[in-house]
Amino acid sequence: MIKIIDRLPTEQEYRHVRHLVLQYPERAGHPITDDNVASVFGACPHLESVVLSGVPDTTDRTIVILAQTAHNLQGINLNNCTQVTDAGALQLTAKPLPLQWIRLNGVSAITDATISAIARTCTRLVDLEACDLPQITPLAIRDIWKHTRKLRSLRLARCPLLTDKAFPSTPLSSDGEHVSETDPQDLFPPLILRHYAEILRILDLAYCNITDESVEGIIAHAPKLQTLILTGCEQLTDRAVDSVCKLGDNLDVLSISAVSKITDAAIVRLSRSCSKLRAIDVGSCDNLTDMSVFELASLSCLKRLSLTKLHKITDIAIYTIAEQATELERLHLSHCNSISLDAIRTLLERMGRLQQVVLTGVPSFQIEGAEQFSEQPPAHLDAEQRAAFRAYHGRRIGQLVDFLNEQERRQQEAEEAATNILS
């Protein structure tokens, strides 16, 4: 078995290569084009997995060659290969390839035809990523729920046409009445399923146009979800969180950031129902206060916590984290406007397990010298954003604590000296 990364196989390797990963070939000094890939695929019959996200000009022709040659293809990553269309992708379903994972994120020309064909023909499918697909409608996603029985991970983030019609409905309506037969002219009647997605563990619906009804139906159909991403689903309310509570100790990771209608009361119920949560993101949930942080800090398994842009939280919440969230490894406090430098220093001193803390845009933390310990800001940020960027990892957190303590010591000495002079 040979795995080749960020270069093409040589002629001697053609019949031995099993895994070809072309993710960052330009960084390795081997820029690769679609023509280059097409020229070798026909001679590599034993390929089992292929990553082409580093060859964005990949075309349908190349996918057709791959599908015809690699009879044991188990996984393919076409992320951001924007020239691939249904014509090429459908070839992956035209013959019984043993595909177990497929990633089509950002392949914007893909339509319902490809997604439906994948759902109906790829019987071994375990992992499907179909994010950033502007043409996908509920029609195709309904086929996924109907036909894929081995799926463990499903990612559909930022598909703007996806609404409640794409997801399972509960057998009962909101008033407790059984759902009646629907109008046969309705293209998307309620999706009532007779089976459960017992194997599904990861579901990402970030920025889809769904309501509380979708979350209720999904939880009823997939009761063992461990990771649920609902970031930016703006129509959701506390009712959706109450549905999530039914996952209980199964739930491991939850993101409900930028869901502004959620209140403290829902977070309290969530914390007490899903006590095994390891990671939660409630950033930009504008209604949340210290009360939510009190509850989240009490979770004994919590490793990652994001409180970005929670303008209502105060130092009391920060001190509570320092005292109770002893297992926390990653903490995001960016743009929390009401927390003080003293609270941040206390937090950093007490939390020995902390491996990452992000303090970008915290007004009290814009102090001269703290930037020297920060990671470098991402290149896409503008000058103002780069100046405000503060993210600390690993040993740099300890260095930052030493710096803050030294600053405080100097300040105290200066204050004592001033007092002596005045006296």
Protein backbone atom coordinates (compact mmCIF):
# COMPACT_ATOMS: atom_id res chain seq x y z
CA MET A 1 0.00 0.00 0.00
CA ILE A 2 1.40 3.39 -1.02
CA LYS A 3 0.10 6.80 0.07
CA ILE A 4 1.29 9.76 -1.98
CA ILE A 5 0.85 13.31 -0.73
CA ASP A 6 0.97 16.52 -2.80
CA ARG A 7 2.69 15.03 -5.82
CA LEU A 8 1.75 12.67 -8.64
CA PRO A 9 2.87 9.05 -8.63
CA THR A 10 5.73 7.98 -10.84
CA GLU A 11 5.25 5.32 -13.50
CA GLN A 12 6.79 2.77 -11.16
CA GLU A 13 4.17 3.67 -8.53
CA TYR A 14 1.08 3.64 -10.76
CA ARG A 15 -0.01 0.10 -9.92
CA HIS A 16 0.88 0.36 -6.24
CA VAL A 17 -0.64 3.64 -5.17
CA ARG A 18 -3.75 3.26 -2.99
CA HIS A 19 -4.20 6.75 -1.56
CA LEU A 20 -3.53 9.99 -3.46
CA VAL A 21 -3.79 13.22 -1.47
CA LEU A 22 -3.46 16.42 -3.53
CA GLN A 23 -4.37 19.02 -0.95
CA TYR A 24 -1.48 21.52 -0.96
CA PRO A 25 0.73 20.52 -3.91
CA GLU A 26 1.85 24.11 -4.53
CA ARG A 27 3.31 24.30 -1.00
CA ALA A 28 5.34 21.18 -1.71
CA GLY A 29 6.67 22.77 -4.90
CA HIS A 30 4.61 20.53 -7.17
CA PRO A 31 1.81 22.65 -8.71
CA ILE A 32 -0.58 20.21 -10.38
CA THR A 33 -3.24 20.80 -13.02
CA ASP A 34 -6.26 18.88 -14.16
CA ASP A 35 -4.38 17.67 -17.23
CA ASN A 36 -1.62 16.27 -15.02
CA VAL A 37 -4.10 14.32 -12.91
CA ALA A 38 -6.05 13.01 -15.89
CA SER A 39 -2.86 11.70 -17.45
CA VAL A 40 -2.15 9.34 -14.53
CA PHE A 41 -5.60 8.26 -13.34
CA GLY A 42 -6.06 5.83 -16.20
CA ALA A 43 -2.94 3.95 -15.09
CA CYS A 44 -3.78 3.73 -11.36
CA PRO A 45 -6.38 0.95 -11.04
CA HIS A 46 -5.93 0.31 -7.32
CA LEU A 47 -6.76 3.75 -5.96
CA GLU A 48 -8.92 3.55 -2.84
CA SER A 49 -9.05 7.21 -1.83
CA VAL A 50 -8.42 10.44 -3.73
CA VAL A 51 -8.24 14.03 -2.49
CA LEU A 52 -8.37 16.63 -5.28
CA SER A 53 -9.11 19.78 -3.27
CA GLY A 54 -5.65 21.08 -4.20
CA VAL A 55 -6.44 20.81 -7.92
CA PRO A 56 -9.33 23.29 -8.23
CA ASP A 57 -9.41 23.11 -12.04
CA THR A 58 -10.37 19.41 -11.92
CA THR A 59 -12.90 18.67 -14.67
CA ASP A 60 -15.59 16.12 -15.37
CA ARG A 61 -13.25 14.33 -17.77
CA THR A 62 -10.85 13.50 -14.97
CA ILE A 63 -13.62 12.24 -12.67
CA VAL A 64 -14.94 10.02 -15.46
CA ILE A 65 -11.49 8.49 -15.95
CA LEU A 66 -11.17 7.89 -12.21
CA ALA A 67 -14.60 6.26 -11.96
CA GLN A 68 -13.87 3.97 -14.89
CA THR A 69 -10.43 2.90 -13.65
CA ALA A 70 -10.47 2.78 -9.85
CA HIS A 71 -12.80 -0.15 -9.20
CA ASN A 72 -12.14 -0.12 -5.46
CA LEU A 73 -12.62 3.61 -4.86
CA GLN A 74 -13.81 4.09 -1.29
CA GLY A 75 -13.45 7.82 -0.79
CA ILE A 76 -13.18 11.03 -2.81
CA ASN A 77 -12.68 14.67 -1.85
CA LEU A 78 -13.63 17.21 -4.52
CA ASN A 79 -13.87 20.23 -2.22
CA ASN A 80 -13.86 23.50 -4.21
CA CYS A 81 -13.39 21.76 -7.56
CA THR A 82 -15.81 24.24 -9.09
CA GLN A 83 -15.56 22.95 -12.66
CA VAL A 84 -16.96 19.54 -11.74
CA THR A 85 -20.64 19.18 -12.63
CA ASP A 86 -23.29 16.48 -12.43
CA ALA A 87 -21.88 14.99 -15.64
CA GLY A 88 -18.72 13.94 -13.86
CA ALA A 89 -20.05 13.34 -10.37
CA LEU A 90 -22.81 11.04 -11.60
CA GLN A 91 -20.19 8.71 -13.04
CA LEU A 92 -19.21 7.89 -9.46
CA THR A 93 -22.68 6.37 -9.03
CA ALA A 94 -22.98 4.76 -12.45
CA LYS A 95 -21.19 1.61 -11.34
CA PRO A 96 -21.12 -0.16 -7.96
CA LEU A 97 -18.07 1.53 -6.45
CA PRO A 98 -17.63 0.80 -2.72
CA LEU A 99 -17.73 4.50 -1.81
CA GLN A 100 -17.78 5.14 1.93
CA TRP A 101 -17.00 8.87 2.07
CA ILE A 102 -17.68 11.69 -0.38
CA ARG A 103 -16.85 15.40 0.02
CA LEU A 104 -18.38 17.88 -2.39
CA ASN A 105 -18.08 21.12 -0.42
CA GLY A 106 -18.14 24.17 -2.66
CA VAL A 107 -18.67 22.22 -5.89
CA SER A 108 -21.28 24.81 -6.79
CA ALA A 109 -22.47 23.27 -10.08
CA ILE A 110 -23.70 20.12 -8.34
CA THR A 111 -27.49 19.75 -8.31
CA ASP A 112 -30.09 17.48 -6.76
CA ALA A 113 -29.40 14.83 -9.41
CA THR A 114 -25.97 13.98 -7.99
CA ILE A 115 -27.00 14.04 -4.33
CA SER A 116 -30.06 11.87 -4.97
CA ALA A 117 -28.01 9.39 -6.99
CA ILE A 118 -25.45 9.15 -4.19
CA ALA A 119 -28.18 8.54 -1.63
CA ARG A 120 -29.84 5.85 -3.72
CA THR A 121 -26.79 3.95 -4.97
CA CYS A 122 -23.93 4.34 -2.46
CA THR A 123 -25.15 1.75 0.02
CA ARG A 124 -21.90 1.75 2.04
CA LEU A 125 -21.81 5.51 2.51
CA VAL A 126 -20.67 6.55 5.99
CA ASP A 127 -19.61 10.18 5.53
CA LEU A 128 -21.14 12.78 3.19
CA GLU A 129 -20.16 16.44 3.03
CA ALA A 130 -22.24 18.65 0.75
CA CYS A 131 -21.74 22.17 2.11
CA ASP A 132 -21.89 25.43 0.13
CA LEU A 133 -24.03 23.98 -2.66
CA PRO A 134 -26.39 26.76 -3.77
CA GLN A 135 -28.51 24.55 -6.06
CA ILE A 136 -29.36 21.76 -3.64
CA THR A 137 -33.03 21.66 -2.66
CA PRO A 138 -35.02 19.65 -0.10
CA LEU A 139 -35.78 17.07 -2.79
CA ALA A 140 -32.26 15.61 -2.72
CA ILE A 141 -31.81 15.80 1.05
CA ARG A 142 -35.04 13.88 1.59
CA ASP A 143 -33.48 11.04 -0.42
CA ILE A 144 -30.55 10.98 2.00
CA TRP A 145 -32.89 10.49 4.96
CA LYS A 146 -34.87 7.84 3.08
CA HIS A 147 -32.08 5.72 1.65
CA THR A 148 -28.78 6.05 3.53
CA ARG A 149 -28.87 3.63 6.45
CA LYS A 150 -25.14 3.55 7.36
CA LEU A 151 -24.45 7.29 7.45
CA ARG A 152 -22.48 8.46 10.50
CA SER A 153 -21.65 12.01 9.41
CA LEU A 154 -23.70 14.43 7.30
CA ARG A 155 -22.64 18.03 6.64
CA LEU A 156 -24.97 20.39 4.76
CA ALA A 157 -23.80 23.80 5.97
CA ARG A 158 -24.59 26.94 3.98
CA CYS A 159 -26.99 25.37 1.52
CA PRO A 160 -29.42 28.32 1.24
CA LEU A 161 -32.35 26.44 -0.30
CA LEU A 162 -32.65 23.93 2.52
CA THR A 163 -35.74 24.45 4.65
CA ASP A 164 -37.85 22.34 7.00
CA LYS A 165 -39.06 20.39 3.97
CA ALA A 166 -35.62 18.73 3.71
CA PHE A 167 -35.79 17.06 7.11
CA PRO A 168 -37.84 14.42 8.91
CA SER A 169 -41.08 15.46 10.55
CA THR A 170 -42.38 14.13 13.82
CA PRO A 171 -45.43 11.87 13.57
CA LEU A 172 -47.40 14.36 15.66
CA SER A 173 -48.19 17.94 14.81
CA SER A 174 -47.58 20.75 17.30
CA ASP A 175 -51.10 20.48 18.71
CA GLY A 176 -50.71 16.76 19.37
CA GLU A 177 -52.87 15.61 16.44
CA HIS A 178 -51.57 12.96 14.07
CA VAL A 179 -50.46 14.41 10.77
CA SER A 180 -53.17 13.86 8.22
CA GLU A 181 -52.77 12.91 4.60
CA THR A 182 -51.41 15.84 2.65
CA ASP A 183 -52.36 17.32 -0.68
CA PRO A 184 -50.93 15.06 -3.42
CA GLN A 185 -50.04 18.21 -5.34
CA ASP A 186 -47.64 19.24 -2.57
CA LEU A 187 -44.11 18.62 -3.84
CA PHE A 188 -42.78 18.29 -0.28
CA PRO A 189 -45.32 16.70 2.06
CA PRO A 190 -44.11 16.08 5.65
CA LEU A 191 -41.31 13.51 5.62
CA ILE A 192 -42.55 10.81 7.98
CA LEU A 193 -40.03 7.96 8.20
CA ARG A 194 -40.59 4.44 9.51
CA HIS A 195 -36.96 3.90 10.47
CA TYR A 196 -34.44 5.68 12.71
CA ALA A 197 -30.98 7.01 11.84
CA GLU A 198 -29.50 5.13 14.77
CA ILE A 199 -25.97 5.35 13.37
CA LEU A 200 -25.91 9.09 12.60
CA ARG A 201 -23.49 10.83 14.96
CA ILE A 202 -22.51 14.12 13.26
CA LEU A 203 -24.90 16.62 11.64
CA ASP A 204 -23.91 20.09 10.41
CA LEU A 205 -26.74 22.40 9.30
CA ALA A 206 -25.00 25.75 9.80
CA TYR A 207 -26.79 28.68 8.13
CA CYS A 208 -29.62 26.59 6.71
CA ASN A 209 -33.12 28.10 6.70
CA ILE A 210 -34.67 25.78 9.23
CA THR A 211 -37.02 26.28 12.16
CA ASP A 212 -37.67 24.55 15.46
CA GLU A 213 -39.81 21.96 13.63
CA SER A 214 -36.75 20.65 11.77
CA VAL A 215 -34.71 20.24 14.93
CA GLU A 216 -37.58 18.44 16.62
CA GLY A 217 -37.97 16.02 13.72
CA ILE A 218 -34.23 15.42 13.37
CA ILE A 219 -33.78 14.61 17.06
CA ALA A 220 -36.77 12.24 16.97
CA HIS A 221 -35.26 10.44 13.96
CA ALA A 222 -31.57 10.55 14.99
CA PRO A 223 -31.64 10.12 18.78
CA LYS A 224 -27.93 9.34 19.18
CA LEU A 225 -26.38 12.43 17.64
CA GLN A 226 -23.08 13.37 19.26
CA THR A 227 -22.14 16.49 17.27
CA LEU A 228 -24.79 19.00 16.18
CA ILE A 229 -23.94 22.26 14.40
CA LEU A 230 -26.78 24.80 14.17
CA THR A 231 -24.65 27.93 13.80
CA GLY A 232 -26.47 30.82 12.16
CA CYS A 233 -29.87 29.13 11.99
CA GLU A 234 -31.52 32.42 12.90
CA GLN A 235 -35.10 31.21 13.11
CA LEU A 236 -34.43 28.80 15.97
CA THR A 237 -35.72 29.54 19.46
CA ASP A 238 -35.61 27.95 22.91
CA ARG A 239 -37.94 25.28 21.59
CA ALA A 240 -35.14 23.94 19.38
CA VAL A 241 -32.79 23.78 22.36
CA ASP A 242 -35.45 21.87 24.28
CA SER A 243 -35.47 19.31 21.47
CA VAL A 244 -31.66 19.08 21.65
CA CYS A 245 -31.99 18.36 25.37
CA LYS A 246 -33.55 15.01 24.45
CA LEU A 247 -30.14 13.83 23.24
CA GLY A 248 -29.05 13.74 26.87
CA ASP A 249 -25.61 12.29 27.55
CA ASN A 250 -25.19 11.33 23.88
CA LEU A 251 -24.51 14.96 22.97
CA ASP A 252 -20.79 15.75 22.86
CA VAL A 253 -20.43 18.89 20.70
CA LEU A 254 -23.00 21.64 20.10
CA SER A 255 -22.78 24.92 18.21
CA ILE A 256 -25.69 27.32 18.42
CA SER A 257 -23.69 30.49 17.82
CA ALA A 258 -25.45 33.39 16.10
CA VAL A 259 -28.87 32.04 17.10
CA SER A 260 -29.96 35.25 18.76
CA LYS A 261 -33.38 34.19 20.08
CA ILE A 262 -31.97 31.68 22.57
CA THR A 263 -32.25 32.67 26.22
CA ASP A 264 -30.61 31.78 29.52
CA ALA A 265 -33.52 29.54 30.44
CA ALA A 266 -32.80 27.24 27.47
CA ILE A 267 -29.08 27.04 28.28
CA VAL A 268 -29.89 26.13 31.89
CA ARG A 269 -32.10 23.26 30.72
CA LEU A 270 -29.48 22.17 28.17
CA SER A 271 -26.66 22.09 30.74
CA ARG A 272 -28.71 19.98 33.11
CA SER A 273 -29.94 17.57 30.41
CA CYS A 274 -26.71 17.09 28.42
CA SER A 275 -24.20 16.78 31.23
CA LYS A 276 -21.48 15.11 29.11
CA LEU A 277 -21.00 18.04 26.74
CA ARG A 278 -17.33 18.50 25.86
CA ALA A 279 -17.62 21.50 23.53
CA ILE A 280 -20.21 24.24 23.12
CA ASP A 281 -20.31 27.46 21.13
CA VAL A 282 -22.90 30.06 22.14
CA GLY A 283 -21.14 33.05 20.60
CA SER A 284 -23.30 35.95 19.39
CA CYS A 285 -26.36 34.70 21.29
CA ASP A 286 -27.20 38.22 22.33
CA ASN A 287 -29.66 37.40 25.12
CA LEU A 288 -27.27 35.28 27.17
CA THR A 289 -25.95 36.58 30.48
CA ASP A 290 -23.75 35.37 33.34
CA MET A 291 -26.46 32.86 34.25
CA SER A 292 -25.72 30.80 31.12
CA VAL A 293 -22.00 30.82 31.87
CA PHE A 294 -22.63 29.67 35.46
CA GLU A 295 -24.41 26.59 34.12
CA LEU A 296 -21.94 25.83 31.34
CA ALA A 297 -18.96 26.20 33.69
CA SER A 298 -20.43 23.49 35.91
CA LEU A 299 -20.20 20.84 33.15
CA SER A 300 -17.56 18.42 34.39
CA CYS A 301 -16.45 17.23 30.93
CA LEU A 302 -16.26 20.62 29.22
CA LYS A 303 -13.08 21.07 27.16
CA ARG A 304 -14.00 23.86 24.71
CA LEU A 305 -16.18 26.90 25.35
CA SER A 306 -16.86 29.82 23.00
CA LEU A 307 -18.50 32.94 24.42
CA THR A 308 -17.57 35.28 21.58
CA LYS A 309 -19.55 38.54 21.44
CA LEU A 310 -21.56 37.91 24.60
CA HIS A 311 -21.68 41.54 25.60
CA LYS A 312 -23.77 40.92 28.72
CA ILE A 313 -21.34 38.65 30.54
CA THR A 314 -19.27 40.21 33.31
CA ASP A 315 -16.26 39.44 35.49
CA ILE A 316 -18.47 37.26 37.67
CA ALA A 317 -18.80 34.81 34.77
CA ILE A 318 -15.05 34.81 34.18
CA TYR A 319 -14.29 34.11 37.85
CA THR A 320 -16.84 31.28 37.77
CA ILE A 321 -15.09 29.69 34.79
CA ALA A 322 -11.77 29.95 36.61
CA GLU A 323 -13.17 28.22 39.68
CA GLN A 324 -15.37 25.53 38.14
CA ALA A 325 -14.34 24.72 34.55
CA THR A 326 -11.14 23.01 35.63
CA GLU A 327 -10.93 20.71 32.58
CA LEU A 328 -11.26 23.52 30.03
CA GLU A 329 -8.64 23.49 27.28
CA ARG A 330 -9.94 26.09 24.82
CA LEU A 331 -11.75 29.32 25.62
CA HIS A 332 -12.92 32.06 23.24
CA LEU A 333 -13.80 35.42 24.78
CA SER A 334 -13.38 37.67 21.75
CA HIS A 335 -15.37 40.92 21.79
CA CYS A 336 -16.69 40.40 25.34
CA ASN A 337 -16.80 44.08 26.13
CA SER A 338 -17.62 43.96 29.85
CA ILE A 339 -14.79 41.86 31.28
CA SER A 340 -11.78 43.38 33.02
CA LEU A 341 -8.05 42.77 32.79
CA ASP A 342 -7.99 41.60 36.43
CA ALA A 343 -10.57 38.91 35.68
CA ILE A 344 -8.62 37.74 32.63
CA ARG A 345 -5.37 37.55 34.61
CA THR A 346 -7.04 35.55 37.37
CA LEU A 347 -8.53 33.19 34.80
CA LEU A 348 -5.20 32.55 33.10
CA GLU A 349 -3.38 31.98 36.39
CA ARG A 350 -5.85 29.43 37.69
CA MET A 351 -6.58 27.38 34.57
CA GLY A 352 -3.57 25.12 34.24
CA ARG A 353 -5.06 22.96 31.49
CA LEU A 354 -5.83 25.83 29.14
CA GLN A 355 -4.18 25.32 25.77
CA GLN A 356 -5.84 28.11 23.81
CA VAL A 357 -7.44 31.41 24.75
CA VAL A 358 -8.70 34.01 22.28
CA LEU A 359 -9.14 37.58 23.49
CA THR A 360 -9.48 39.49 20.23
CA GLY A 361 -11.34 42.76 20.55
CA VAL A 362 -11.64 42.71 24.36
CA PRO A 363 -11.29 46.44 25.22
CA SER A 364 -9.61 45.88 28.60
CA PHE A 365 -7.01 43.64 26.99
CA GLN A 366 -5.74 46.08 24.38
CA ILE A 367 -2.59 46.69 26.42
CA GLU A 368 0.82 47.39 24.98
CA GLY A 369 3.11 44.39 24.96
CA ALA A 370 0.48 41.61 25.10
CA GLU A 371 0.58 41.23 21.32
CA GLN A 372 4.13 39.87 21.41
CA PHE A 373 2.87 36.53 22.78
CA SER A 374 -0.06 36.22 20.38
CA GLU A 375 -0.20 34.00 17.34
CA GLN A 376 0.06 35.78 14.01
CA PRO A 377 -3.29 37.04 12.69
CA PRO A 378 -4.76 35.39 9.59
CA ALA A 379 -3.70 37.03 6.33
CA HIS A 380 -7.28 37.82 5.23
CA LEU A 381 -7.85 40.29 8.10
CA ASP A 382 -7.63 44.01 7.44
CA ALA A 383 -5.18 46.28 9.29
CA GLU A 384 -7.59 47.17 12.10
CA GLN A 385 -8.57 43.54 12.67
CA ARG A 386 -4.95 42.44 12.66
CA ALA A 387 -4.09 45.04 15.28
CA ALA A 388 -6.87 43.77 17.56
CA PHE A 389 -6.07 40.06 17.09
CA ARG A 390 -5.12 38.26 20.31
CA ALA A 391 -4.89 34.46 20.34
CA TYR A 392 -2.61 32.53 22.67
CA HIS A 393 -1.61 28.88 22.49
CA GLY A 394 0.37 26.46 24.61
CA ARG A 395 3.45 27.83 26.35
CA ARG A 396 2.63 31.36 25.18
CA ILE A 397 -0.20 31.44 27.69
CA GLY A 398 2.31 30.96 30.50
CA GLN A 399 4.51 33.68 29.03
CA LEU A 400 1.50 35.97 28.86
CA VAL A 401 0.68 35.31 32.53
CA ASP A 402 4.25 36.15 33.53
CA PHE A 403 4.04 39.36 31.51
CA LEU A 404 0.73 40.40 33.09
CA ASN A 405 2.01 39.66 36.59
CA GLU A 406 5.12 41.71 35.93
CA GLN A 407 2.99 44.57 34.65
CA GLU A 408 0.85 44.42 37.78
CA ARG A 409 3.93 44.31 40.03
CA ARG A 410 5.37 47.40 38.35
CA GLN A 411 2.06 49.19 38.66
CA GLN A 412 1.85 48.37 42.36
CA GLU A 413 5.41 49.57 42.92
CA ALA A 414 4.65 52.80 41.09
CA GLU A 415 1.52 53.34 43.18
CA GLU A 416 3.44 52.65 46.41
CA ALA A 417 6.18 55.06 45.37
CA ALA A 418 3.62 57.75 44.60
CA THR A 419 1.96 57.19 47.96
CA ASN A 420 5.28 57.51 49.78
CA ILE A 421 6.05 60.75 48.02
CA LEU A 422 2.68 62.19 48.94
CA SER A 423 3.04 61.10 52.54
